[in-house]
Amino acid sequence: MLGLGKKRTSFGKWLDKQEDINQLKLEEATNLSRHTISRLCNDKNYIPKFSTIYKMNRGLKKLKKEVKVENFLKM
């Protein structure tokens, strides 16, 4: 959603820069809901459960991304 004026989290900004993945591909790789992925990308106050972080990291690894989602979270 580049250029639409949405406030993005640091994870959302990172995802926007990726040319080979988007929120839909991430949703499929992680088996998380669209709402959860959207909150990770847009809601700076969202604190995900450990199981969500685990699924995100596993999904990012499936997509060949050497990054961990907790690097983007304020915990």
N, C-alpha and C. Protein backbone atom coordinates (compact mmCIF):
# COMPACT_ATOMS: atom_id res chain seq x y z
N MET A 1 0.82 -1.19 0.00
CA MET A 1 0.00 0.00 0.00
C MET A 1 0.86 1.25 0.00
N LEU A 2 1.86 1.28 -0.79
CA LEU A 2 2.75 2.43 -0.85
C LEU A 2 2.03 3.68 -1.33
N GLY A 3 2.33 4.78 -0.70
CA GLY A 3 1.84 6.06 -1.18
C GLY A 3 0.40 6.39 -0.83
N LEU A 4 -0.25 5.59 0.00
CA LEU A 4 -1.63 5.88 0.34
C LEU A 4 -1.75 6.67 1.64
N GLY A 5 -0.62 7.03 2.23
CA GLY A 5 -0.64 7.84 3.43
C GLY A 5 -0.91 7.05 4.70
N LYS A 6 -0.87 5.73 4.63
CA LYS A 6 -1.09 4.92 5.82
C LYS A 6 0.12 5.02 6.74
N LYS A 7 -0.15 5.01 8.03
CA LYS A 7 0.92 4.93 9.02
C LYS A 7 1.34 3.47 9.07
N ARG A 8 2.63 3.21 8.91
CA ARG A 8 3.14 1.85 8.90
C ARG A 8 4.10 1.62 10.06
N THR A 9 4.12 0.41 10.55
CA THR A 9 5.10 0.02 11.55
C THR A 9 6.43 -0.20 10.84
N SER A 10 7.48 -0.42 11.59
CA SER A 10 8.76 -0.70 10.96
C SER A 10 8.69 -2.00 10.16
N PHE A 11 7.91 -2.98 10.63
CA PHE A 11 7.74 -4.21 9.86
C PHE A 11 6.98 -3.93 8.57
N GLY A 12 5.95 -3.11 8.63
CA GLY A 12 5.19 -2.74 7.44
C GLY A 12 6.04 -2.02 6.41
N LYS A 13 6.90 -1.14 6.89
CA LYS A 13 7.81 -0.42 5.98
C LYS A 13 8.79 -1.39 5.33
N TRP A 14 9.32 -2.34 6.13
CA TRP A 14 10.22 -3.34 5.57
C TRP A 14 9.51 -4.18 4.52
N LEU A 15 8.28 -4.60 4.81
CA LEU A 15 7.52 -5.42 3.87
C LEU A 15 7.23 -4.67 2.58
N ASP A 16 6.96 -3.37 2.68
CA ASP A 16 6.72 -2.55 1.49
C ASP A 16 7.93 -2.52 0.56
N LYS A 17 9.12 -2.60 1.12
CA LYS A 17 10.34 -2.54 0.32
C LYS A 17 10.65 -3.87 -0.37
N GLN A 18 10.04 -4.95 0.08
CA GLN A 18 10.29 -6.26 -0.51
C GLN A 18 9.54 -6.39 -1.83
N GLU A 19 10.24 -6.70 -2.89
CA GLU A 19 9.61 -6.81 -4.20
C GLU A 19 8.98 -8.17 -4.45
N ASP A 20 9.46 -9.19 -3.72
CA ASP A 20 9.01 -10.54 -4.00
C ASP A 20 7.93 -11.07 -3.05
N ILE A 21 7.61 -10.32 -1.99
CA ILE A 21 6.52 -10.75 -1.09
C ILE A 21 5.62 -9.57 -0.77
N ASN A 22 4.41 -9.90 -0.39
CA ASN A 22 3.44 -8.90 0.05
C ASN A 22 2.63 -9.50 1.19
N GLN A 23 1.65 -8.77 1.68
CA GLN A 23 0.86 -9.25 2.81
C GLN A 23 0.12 -10.54 2.47
N LEU A 24 -0.37 -10.68 1.25
CA LEU A 24 -1.09 -11.89 0.86
C LEU A 24 -0.18 -13.12 0.87
N LYS A 25 1.02 -12.99 0.33
CA LYS A 25 1.97 -14.12 0.34
C LYS A 25 2.36 -14.46 1.77
N LEU A 26 2.52 -13.45 2.60
CA LEU A 26 2.85 -13.67 3.99
C LEU A 26 1.72 -14.39 4.72
N GLU A 27 0.50 -14.01 4.42
CA GLU A 27 -0.68 -14.65 4.99
C GLU A 27 -0.69 -16.15 4.65
N GLU A 28 -0.41 -16.47 3.40
CA GLU A 28 -0.40 -17.87 2.97
C GLU A 28 0.74 -18.65 3.60
N ALA A 29 1.92 -18.04 3.72
CA ALA A 29 3.09 -18.73 4.27
C ALA A 29 3.00 -18.95 5.77
N THR A 30 2.28 -18.08 6.47
CA THR A 30 2.22 -18.15 7.93
C THR A 30 0.96 -18.81 8.47
N ASN A 31 -0.06 -18.93 7.65
CA ASN A 31 -1.37 -19.42 8.09
C ASN A 31 -1.97 -18.52 9.17
N LEU A 32 -1.65 -17.24 9.11
CA LEU A 32 -2.25 -16.25 9.99
C LEU A 32 -3.34 -15.52 9.21
N SER A 33 -4.25 -14.89 9.94
CA SER A 33 -5.34 -14.17 9.27
C SER A 33 -4.84 -12.87 8.64
N ARG A 34 -5.61 -12.39 7.70
CA ARG A 34 -5.30 -11.11 7.05
C ARG A 34 -5.30 -9.99 8.08
N HIS A 35 -6.22 -10.08 9.03
CA HIS A 35 -6.33 -9.07 10.08
C HIS A 35 -5.04 -9.02 10.93
N THR A 36 -4.49 -10.16 11.28
CA THR A 36 -3.27 -10.22 12.09
C THR A 36 -2.09 -9.63 11.32
N ILE A 37 -1.94 -10.01 10.05
CA ILE A 37 -0.85 -9.48 9.23
C ILE A 37 -0.99 -7.96 9.10
N SER A 38 -2.21 -7.51 8.90
CA SER A 38 -2.47 -6.07 8.76
C SER A 38 -2.11 -5.33 10.05
N ARG A 39 -2.46 -5.91 11.19
CA ARG A 39 -2.12 -5.26 12.47
C ARG A 39 -0.61 -5.18 12.67
N LEU A 40 0.11 -6.23 12.26
CA LEU A 40 1.57 -6.20 12.36
C LEU A 40 2.17 -5.10 11.49
N CYS A 41 1.53 -4.82 10.38
CA CYS A 41 2.04 -3.82 9.44
C CYS A 41 1.59 -2.40 9.75
N ASN A 42 0.46 -2.25 10.43
CA ASN A 42 -0.13 -0.91 10.58
C ASN A 42 -0.31 -0.41 12.01
N ASP A 43 -0.45 -1.29 12.98
CA ASP A 43 -0.77 -0.88 14.34
C ASP A 43 0.49 -0.87 15.21
N LYS A 44 0.99 0.31 15.50
CA LYS A 44 2.23 0.44 16.27
C LYS A 44 2.07 0.01 17.73
N ASN A 45 0.85 -0.09 18.21
CA ASN A 45 0.59 -0.50 19.59
C ASN A 45 0.30 -1.99 19.73
N TYR A 46 0.25 -2.71 18.61
CA TYR A 46 -0.07 -4.14 18.63
C TYR A 46 1.11 -4.94 19.17
N ILE A 47 0.83 -5.78 20.15
CA ILE A 47 1.84 -6.68 20.70
C ILE A 47 1.35 -8.10 20.42
N PRO A 48 1.98 -8.79 19.47
CA PRO A 48 1.51 -10.13 19.10
C PRO A 48 1.87 -11.18 20.15
N LYS A 49 1.07 -12.26 20.16
CA LYS A 49 1.35 -13.38 21.04
C LYS A 49 2.62 -14.10 20.56
N PHE A 50 3.21 -14.89 21.43
CA PHE A 50 4.39 -15.65 21.06
C PHE A 50 4.11 -16.57 19.88
N SER A 51 2.92 -17.19 19.87
CA SER A 51 2.58 -18.10 18.77
C SER A 51 2.53 -17.37 17.43
N THR A 52 2.10 -16.12 17.44
CA THR A 52 2.05 -15.32 16.21
C THR A 52 3.47 -15.01 15.73
N ILE A 53 4.33 -14.65 16.67
CA ILE A 53 5.73 -14.37 16.32
C ILE A 53 6.38 -15.61 15.74
N TYR A 54 6.12 -16.76 16.37
CA TYR A 54 6.68 -18.03 15.89
C TYR A 54 6.22 -18.32 14.46
N LYS A 55 4.91 -18.17 14.20
CA LYS A 55 4.38 -18.43 12.86
C LYS A 55 4.94 -17.45 11.83
N MET A 56 5.10 -16.19 12.23
CA MET A 56 5.66 -15.20 11.32
C MET A 56 7.10 -15.56 10.95
N ASN A 57 7.90 -15.91 11.95
CA ASN A 57 9.29 -16.28 11.68
C ASN A 57 9.38 -17.51 10.79
N ARG A 58 8.52 -18.50 11.05
CA ARG A 58 8.51 -19.70 10.22
C ARG A 58 8.09 -19.37 8.79
N GLY A 59 7.10 -18.50 8.64
CA GLY A 59 6.66 -18.08 7.31
C GLY A 59 7.71 -17.29 6.56
N LEU A 60 8.40 -16.39 7.25
CA LEU A 60 9.47 -15.62 6.62
C LEU A 60 10.60 -16.53 6.17
N LYS A 61 10.87 -17.56 6.96
CA LYS A 61 11.91 -18.52 6.58
C LYS A 61 11.48 -19.29 5.33
N LYS A 62 10.19 -19.68 5.25
CA LYS A 62 9.66 -20.35 4.06
C LYS A 62 9.83 -19.49 2.82
N LEU A 63 9.68 -18.18 3.00
CA LEU A 63 9.80 -17.24 1.88
C LEU A 63 11.25 -16.82 1.64
N LYS A 64 12.18 -17.51 2.32
CA LYS A 64 13.62 -17.29 2.13
C LYS A 64 14.07 -15.89 2.57
N LYS A 65 13.46 -15.40 3.63
CA LYS A 65 13.85 -14.11 4.19
C LYS A 65 14.60 -14.35 5.49
N GLU A 66 15.82 -13.87 5.55
CA GLU A 66 16.67 -14.05 6.73
C GLU A 66 16.46 -12.89 7.70
N VAL A 67 15.27 -12.82 8.26
CA VAL A 67 14.92 -11.76 9.19
C VAL A 67 13.95 -12.33 10.21
N LYS A 68 13.96 -11.79 11.40
CA LYS A 68 13.03 -12.22 12.44
C LYS A 68 12.09 -11.06 12.76
N VAL A 69 10.82 -11.37 12.90
CA VAL A 69 9.82 -10.32 13.12
C VAL A 69 10.05 -9.58 14.44
N GLU A 70 10.61 -10.25 15.45
CA GLU A 70 10.82 -9.56 16.73
C GLU A 70 11.83 -8.43 16.63
N ASN A 71 12.66 -8.42 15.57
CA ASN A 71 13.58 -7.31 15.36
C ASN A 71 12.83 -6.00 15.06
N PHE A 72 11.59 -6.11 14.64
CA PHE A 72 10.79 -4.93 14.29
C PHE A 72 9.84 -4.50 15.40
N LEU A 73 9.71 -5.32 16.45
CA LEU A 73 8.72 -5.06 17.49
C LEU A 73 9.34 -4.34 18.69
N LYS A 74 8.55 -3.48 19.31
CA LYS A 74 8.98 -2.85 20.55
C LYS A 74 8.41 -3.70 21.68
N MET A 75 9.27 -4.43 22.34
CA MET A 75 8.81 -5.31 23.42
C MET A 75 9.53 -4.99 24.71
